[in-house]
C-alpha atoms as a PDB file:
ATOM      1  CA  GLY A   1     173.878  17.696 170.150  1.00  0.00           C
ATOM      2  CA  VAL A   2     176.270  18.966 172.740  1.00  0.00           C
ATOM      3  CA  SER A   3     176.657  22.734 172.756  1.00  0.00           C
ATOM      4  CA  SER A   4     180.148  24.133 172.560  1.00  0.00           C
ATOM      5  CA  ALA A   5     178.965  27.466 173.973  1.00  0.00           C
ATOM      6  CA  VAL A   6     178.042  26.321 177.489  1.00  0.00           C
ATOM      7  CA  PRO A   7     179.732  23.365 179.218  1.00  0.00           C
ATOM      8  CA  GLY A   8     177.256  20.513 179.730  1.00  0.00           C
ATOM      9  CA  ALA A   9     174.421  22.250 177.838  1.00  0.00           C
ATOM     10  CA  ARG A  10     172.525  20.741 174.921  1.00  0.00           C
ATOM     11  CA  ASP A  11     171.215  22.472 171.805  1.00  0.00           C
ATOM     12  CA  TYR A  12     167.520  22.547 171.039  1.00  0.00           C
ATOM     13  CA  ASP A  13     166.391  19.933 168.549  1.00  0.00           C
ATOM     14  CA  ILE A  14     165.973  21.501 165.146  1.00  0.00           C
ATOM     15  CA  ASP A  15     162.879  20.355 163.285  1.00  0.00           C
ATOM     16  CA  VAL A  16     162.338  22.529 160.223  1.00  0.00           C
ATOM     17  CA  ASN A  17     159.047  20.836 159.286  1.00  0.00           C
ATOM     18  CA  LYS A  18     157.635  21.396 162.773  1.00  0.00           C
ATOM     19  CA  THR A  19     158.706  25.050 162.763  1.00  0.00           C
ATOM     20  CA  GLU A  20     157.146  25.644 159.343  1.00  0.00           C
ATOM     21  CA  ARG A  21     153.948  23.831 160.347  1.00  0.00           C
ATOM     22  CA  GLU A  22     153.647  25.938 163.524  1.00  0.00           C
ATOM     23  CA  TYR A  23     154.251  29.115 161.525  1.00  0.00           C
ATOM     24  CA  LEU A  24     151.559  28.226 158.984  1.00  0.00           C
ATOM     25  CA  GLU A  25     149.176  27.255 161.797  1.00  0.00           C
ATOM     26  CA  SER A  26     149.727  30.675 163.398  1.00  0.00           C
ATOM     27  CA  LEU A  27     148.679  32.271 160.093  1.00  0.00           C
ATOM     28  CA  GLY A  28     145.619  30.030 159.881  1.00  0.00           C
ATOM     29  CA  ILE A  29     146.598  28.533 156.522  1.00  0.00           C
ATOM     30  CA  PHE A  30     147.834  25.092 157.582  1.00  0.00           C
ATOM     31  CA  ASP A  31     145.732  22.079 156.642  1.00  0.00           C
ATOM     32  CA  PRO A  32     147.198  18.766 157.928  1.00  0.00           C
ATOM     33  CA  GLU A  33     145.788  16.871 154.950  1.00  0.00           C
ATOM     34  CA  GLY A  34     146.752  19.304 152.214  1.00  0.00           C
ATOM     35  CA  TYR A  35     149.550  21.345 153.802  1.00  0.00           C
ATOM     36  CA  PHE A  36     147.851  24.609 152.792  1.00  0.00           C
ATOM     37  CA  ARG A  37     144.222  25.586 152.802  1.00  0.00           C
ATOM     38  CA  ARG A  38     142.144  24.472 149.850  1.00  0.00           C
ATOM     39  CA  GLU A  39     141.300  26.775 146.928  1.00  0.00           C
ATOM     40  CA  GLU A  40     137.721  27.303 148.175  1.00  0.00           C
ATOM     41  CA  ASP A  41     139.113  28.718 151.408  1.00  0.00           C
ATOM     42  CA  GLU A  42     141.343  31.079 149.432  1.00  0.00           C
ATOM     43  CA  GLU A  43     138.299  32.749 147.850  1.00  0.00           C
ATOM     44  CA  GLU A  44     136.913  33.408 151.339  1.00  0.00           C
ATOM     45  CA  MET A  45     140.313  34.780 152.369  1.00  0.00           C
ATOM     46  CA  ASP A  46     140.346  37.112 149.339  1.00  0.00           C
ATOM     47  CA  GLU A  47     136.984  38.575 150.449  1.00  0.00           C
ATOM     48  CA  GLU A  48     138.367  39.066 153.972  1.00  0.00           C
ATOM     49  CA  LEU A  49     141.405  40.758 152.465  1.00  0.00           C
ATOM     50  CA  ALA A  50     139.277  43.192 150.423  1.00  0.00           C
ATOM     51  CA  LEU A  51     137.467  44.257 153.603  1.00  0.00           C
ATOM     52  CA  LEU A  52     140.787  44.645 155.395  1.00  0.00           C
ATOM     53  CA  LEU A  53     142.126  46.933 152.657  1.00  0.00           C
ATOM     54  CA  LYS A  54     139.040  49.160 152.947  1.00  0.00           C
ATOM     55  CA  ARG A  55     139.478  49.382 156.728  1.00  0.00           C
ATOM     56  CA  ALA A  56     143.210  50.061 156.394  1.00  0.00           C
ATOM     57  CA  ARG A  57     142.523  53.255 154.463  1.00  0.00           C
ATOM     58  CA  ARG A  58     140.398  54.639 157.321  1.00  0.00           C
ATOM     59  CA  SER A  59     142.229  53.455 160.438  1.00  0.00           C
ATOM     60  CA  ASP A  60     145.667  52.844 161.901  1.00  0.00           C
ATOM     61  CA  SER A  61     144.886  50.695 164.939  1.00  0.00           C
ATOM     62  CA  VAL A  62     147.323  48.194 166.412  1.00  0.00           C
ATOM     63  CA  GLU A  63     144.841  45.378 165.785  1.00  0.00           C
ATOM     64  CA  LEU A  64     144.498  46.396 162.149  1.00  0.00           C
ATOM     65  CA  ARG A  65     148.285  46.518 161.686  1.00  0.00           C
ATOM     66  CA  ALA A  66     148.523  42.995 163.135  1.00  0.00           C
ATOM     67  CA  GLN A  67     145.877  41.768 160.696  1.00  0.00           C
ATOM     68  CA  ILE A  68     147.705  43.434 157.818  1.00  0.00           C
ATOM     69  CA  GLU A  69     151.008  41.791 158.815  1.00  0.00           C
ATOM     70  CA  LYS A  70     149.237  38.425 159.018  1.00  0.00           C
ATOM     71  CA  HIS A  71     147.849  38.863 155.503  1.00  0.00           C
ATOM     72  CA  VAL A  72     151.219  40.056 154.193  1.00  0.00           C
ATOM     73  CA  ALA A  73     152.695  36.781 155.472  1.00  0.00           C
ATOM     74  CA  ILE A  74     149.804  34.726 154.068  1.00  0.00           C
ATOM     75  CA  GLN A  75     149.974  36.343 150.622  1.00  0.00           C
ATOM     76  CA  SER A  76     153.778  36.062 150.558  1.00  0.00           C
ATOM     77  CA  GLU A  77     153.546  32.341 151.309  1.00  0.00           C
ATOM     78  CA  LYS A  78     150.774  31.965 148.744  1.00  0.00           C
ATOM     79  CA  GLY A  79     152.857  33.729 146.082  1.00  0.00           C
ATOM     80  CA  LEU A  80     155.961  31.672 146.846  1.00  0.00           C
ATOM     81  CA  ARG A  81     153.926  28.467 146.711  1.00  0.00           C
ATOM     82  CA  ARG A  82     152.464  29.501 143.345  1.00  0.00           C
ATOM     83  CA  LEU A  83     155.932  30.375 142.071  1.00  0.00           C
ATOM     84  CA  ARG A  84     157.205  26.920 143.050  1.00  0.00           C
ATOM     85  CA  MET A  85     154.228  25.407 141.190  1.00  0.00           C
ATOM     86  CA  LEU A  86     155.012  27.645 138.168  1.00  0.00           C
ATOM     87  CA  ASP A  87     151.549  29.201 138.462  1.00  0.00           C
ATOM     88  CA  LEU A  88     153.012  32.601 137.634  1.00  0.00           C
ATOM     89  CA  PRO A  89     149.822  34.623 137.098  1.00  0.00           C
ATOM     90  CA  ARG A  90     148.510  33.658 140.545  1.00  0.00           C
ATOM     91  CA  ALA A  91     151.919  34.236 142.120  1.00  0.00           C
ATOM     92  CA  SER A  92     151.906  37.702 140.570  1.00  0.00           C
ATOM     93  CA  ARG A  93     148.448  38.456 142.000  1.00  0.00           C
ATOM     94  CA  ALA A  94     149.525  37.312 145.468  1.00  0.00           C
ATOM     95  CA  PHE A  95     152.648  39.490 145.355  1.00  0.00           C
ATOM     96  CA  ALA A  96     150.591  42.467 144.103  1.00  0.00           C
ATOM     97  CA  THR A  97     148.368  41.978 147.151  1.00  0.00           C
ATOM     98  CA  VAL A  98     151.430  42.051 149.410  1.00  0.00           C
ATOM     99  CA  TYR A  99     152.467  45.383 147.897  1.00  0.00           C
ATOM    100  CA  ALA A 100     148.904  46.723 148.237  1.00  0.00           C
ATOM    101  CA  LEU A 101     149.061  45.939 151.954  1.00  0.00           C
ATOM    102  CA  ARG A 102     152.655  46.994 152.530  1.00  0.00           C
ATOM    103  CA  PRO A 103     154.175  48.993 149.658  1.00  0.00           C
ATOM    104  CA  ASP A 104     157.678  48.817 151.161  1.00  0.00           C
ATOM    105  CA  ALA A 105     157.722  45.002 151.466  1.00  0.00           C
ATOM    106  CA  TYR A 106     160.940  43.194 150.571  1.00  0.00           C
ATOM    107  CA  LEU A 107     159.816  40.570 148.070  1.00  0.00           C
ATOM    108  CA  TRP A 108     162.365  40.090 145.327  1.00  0.00           C
ATOM    109  CA  HIS A 109     160.550  37.019 144.000  1.00  0.00           C
ATOM    110  CA  ASP A 110     158.016  39.459 142.533  1.00  0.00           C
ATOM    111  CA  GLY A 111     160.701  40.520 140.054  1.00  0.00           C
ATOM    112  CA  LEU A 112     161.354  36.910 139.047  1.00  0.00           C
ATOM    113  CA  VAL A 113     157.668  36.321 138.395  1.00  0.00           C
ATOM    114  CA  LYS A 114     157.429  39.481 136.291  1.00  0.00           C
ATOM    115  CA  TYR A 115     160.565  38.463 134.371  1.00  0.00           C
ATOM    116  CA  TYR A 116     159.168  35.038 133.482  1.00  0.00           C
ATOM    117  CA  LEU A 117     155.808  36.563 132.555  1.00  0.00           C
ATOM    118  CA  GLY A 118     157.658  38.771 130.049  1.00  0.00           C
ATOM    119  CA  ASP A 119     157.165  42.044 131.954  1.00  0.00           C
ATOM    120  CA  TYR A 120     160.854  42.920 131.815  1.00  0.00           C
ATOM    121  CA  HIS A 121     160.444  46.588 132.688  1.00  0.00           C
ATOM    122  CA  GLY A 122     158.265  45.722 135.704  1.00  0.00           C
ATOM    123  CA  ALA A 123     160.782  43.065 136.697  1.00  0.00           C
ATOM    124  CA  ALA A 124     163.714  45.466 136.480  1.00  0.00           C
ATOM    125  CA  GLU A 125     161.895  48.080 138.564  1.00  0.00           C
ATOM    126  CA  SER A 126     160.780  45.558 141.198  1.00  0.00           C
ATOM    127  CA  LEU A 127     164.229  44.017 141.456  1.00  0.00           C
ATOM    128  CA  ALA A 128     165.897  47.441 141.690  1.00  0.00           C
ATOM    129  CA  ARG A 129     163.554  48.528 144.506  1.00  0.00           C
ATOM    130  CA  ASN A 130     164.087  45.242 146.340  1.00  0.00           C
ATOM    131  CA  ALA A 131     167.861  45.523 145.997  1.00  0.00           C
ATOM    132  CA  VAL A 132     167.739  48.905 147.708  1.00  0.00           C
ATOM    133  CA  ARG A 133     165.381  47.588 150.406  1.00  0.00           C
ATOM    134  CA  TYR A 134     167.671  44.633 151.060  1.00  0.00           C
ATOM    135  CA  GLU A 135     170.760  46.785 151.406  1.00  0.00           C
ATOM    136  CA  GLU A 136     169.018  49.356 153.622  1.00  0.00           C
ATOM    137  CA  ARG A 137     167.406  46.802 155.930  1.00  0.00           C
ATOM    138  CA  PHE A 138     169.949  44.032 156.104  1.00  0.00           C
ATOM    139  CA  GLY A 139     173.177  45.957 156.163  1.00  0.00           C
ATOM    140  CA  GLY A 140     174.913  47.993 153.531  1.00  0.00           C
ATOM    141  CA  GLU A 141     178.070  45.900 153.654  1.00  0.00           C
ATOM    142  CA  GLU A 142     176.566  43.039 151.667  1.00  0.00           C
ATOM    143  CA  ALA A 143     175.254  43.870 148.207  1.00  0.00           C
ATOM    144  CA  ALA A 144     171.934  42.506 147.025  1.00  0.00           C
ATOM    145  CA  SER A 145     173.700  40.508 144.344  1.00  0.00           C
ATOM    146  CA  GLU A 146     170.863  38.226 143.199  1.00  0.00           C
ATOM    147  CA  GLU A 147     168.456  41.124 142.897  1.00  0.00           C
ATOM    148  CA  ARG A 148     171.004  43.117 140.902  1.00  0.00           C
ATOM    149  CA  ILE A 149     171.927  40.182 138.622  1.00  0.00           C
ATOM    150  CA  TRP A 150     168.257  39.542 137.793  1.00  0.00           C
ATOM    151  CA  ARG A 151     167.696  43.293 137.296  1.00  0.00           C
ATOM    152  CA  ASP A 152     170.569  43.364 134.814  1.00  0.00           C
ATOM    153  CA  ALA A 153     169.101  40.338 133.007  1.00  0.00           C
ATOM    154  CA  ALA A 154     165.752  42.152 132.750  1.00  0.00           C
ATOM    155  CA  GLU A 155     167.460  45.262 131.388  1.00  0.00           C
ATOM    156  CA  LEU A 156     169.269  43.190 128.777  1.00  0.00           C
ATOM    157  CA  LYS A 157     165.942  41.711 127.717  1.00  0.00           C
ATOM    158  CA  ILE A 158     164.455  45.218 127.460  1.00  0.00           C
ATOM    159  CA  VAL A 159     167.275  46.436 125.233  1.00  0.00           C
ATOM    160  CA  HIS A 160     167.196  43.224 123.178  1.00  0.00           C
ATOM    161  CA  CYS A 161     163.426  43.483 122.618  1.00  0.00           C
ATOM    162  CA  TRP A 162     163.574  47.240 122.054  1.00  0.00           C
ATOM    163  CA  ASN A 163     166.162  46.831 119.324  1.00  0.00           C
ATOM    164  CA  GLY A 164     164.104  44.377 117.296  1.00  0.00           C
ATOM    165  CA  GLY A 165     165.822  41.331 118.728  1.00  0.00           C
ATOM    166  CA  ARG A 166     169.260  42.429 117.578  1.00  0.00           C
ATOM    167  CA  TRP A 167     172.091  42.887 120.027  1.00  0.00           C
ATOM    168  CA  VAL A 168     173.778  46.245 119.769  1.00  0.00           C
ATOM    169  CA  LYS A 169     177.407  47.148 120.092  1.00  0.00           C
ATOM    170  CA  SER A 170     178.493  49.057 123.148  1.00  0.00           C
ATOM    171  CA  GLY A 171     178.241  52.818 122.817  1.00  0.00           C
ATOM    172  CA  SER A 172     175.807  52.760 119.900  1.00  0.00           C
ATOM    173  CA  GLY A 173     173.329  55.144 121.492  1.00  0.00           C
ATOM    174  CA  VAL A 174     170.895  52.691 123.072  1.00  0.00           C
ATOM    175  CA  PRO A 175     169.283  54.298 126.124  1.00  0.00           C
ATOM    176  CA  VAL A 176     170.156  52.812 129.500  1.00  0.00           C
ATOM    177  CA  ALA A 177     167.428  50.168 129.640  1.00  0.00           C
ATOM    178  CA  LEU A 178     164.782  52.750 128.915  1.00  0.00           C
ATOM    179  CA  ARG A 179     165.513  54.483 132.213  1.00  0.00           C
ATOM    180  CA  VAL A 180     164.448  51.805 134.686  1.00  0.00           C
ATOM    181  CA  GLY A 181     163.746  53.632 137.951  1.00  0.00           C
ATOM    182  CA  ASP A 182     165.969  56.099 139.755  1.00  0.00           C
ATOM    183  CA  VAL A 183     166.650  53.828 142.717  1.00  0.00           C
ATOM    184  CA  LEU A 184     170.168  52.803 141.822  1.00  0.00           C
END
């Protein structure tokens, strides 16, 4: 359409599918027939990833960092795809791989997966860490509300399960969600 910023100028056409396809192609995981690489290719990628992790412990080259960032993106996409397919165990493994490659990654979906797998303490910790990462990286003015809401839900589940499935009245001596992290 016509741009209001510059007289006579036109905006670039926005094609979300094309942008996503180009992004996935740059990662080497786009398959025109199946959108993502097939499962057989994922096993080969997992072997490549294991070798990369071994090399990462011994070196800090620019090339290696680029490969790590590529695999962080690949595993993040893989985990999100698995989450959308409700394949939670595989989503969890993909997100664990992301954290193995980059421990400070912002990936709040990891907390959702843990929550739905019943790992409420792991979910609360992951969501708390990601809330802090969000606020530190993306500006302290906007709170990481979704991360904090899901963290609170995980804490409520912890207290509910811890107390034999009974809800407890406020102030009755229940520990604060079994001391989930010191990040908040």
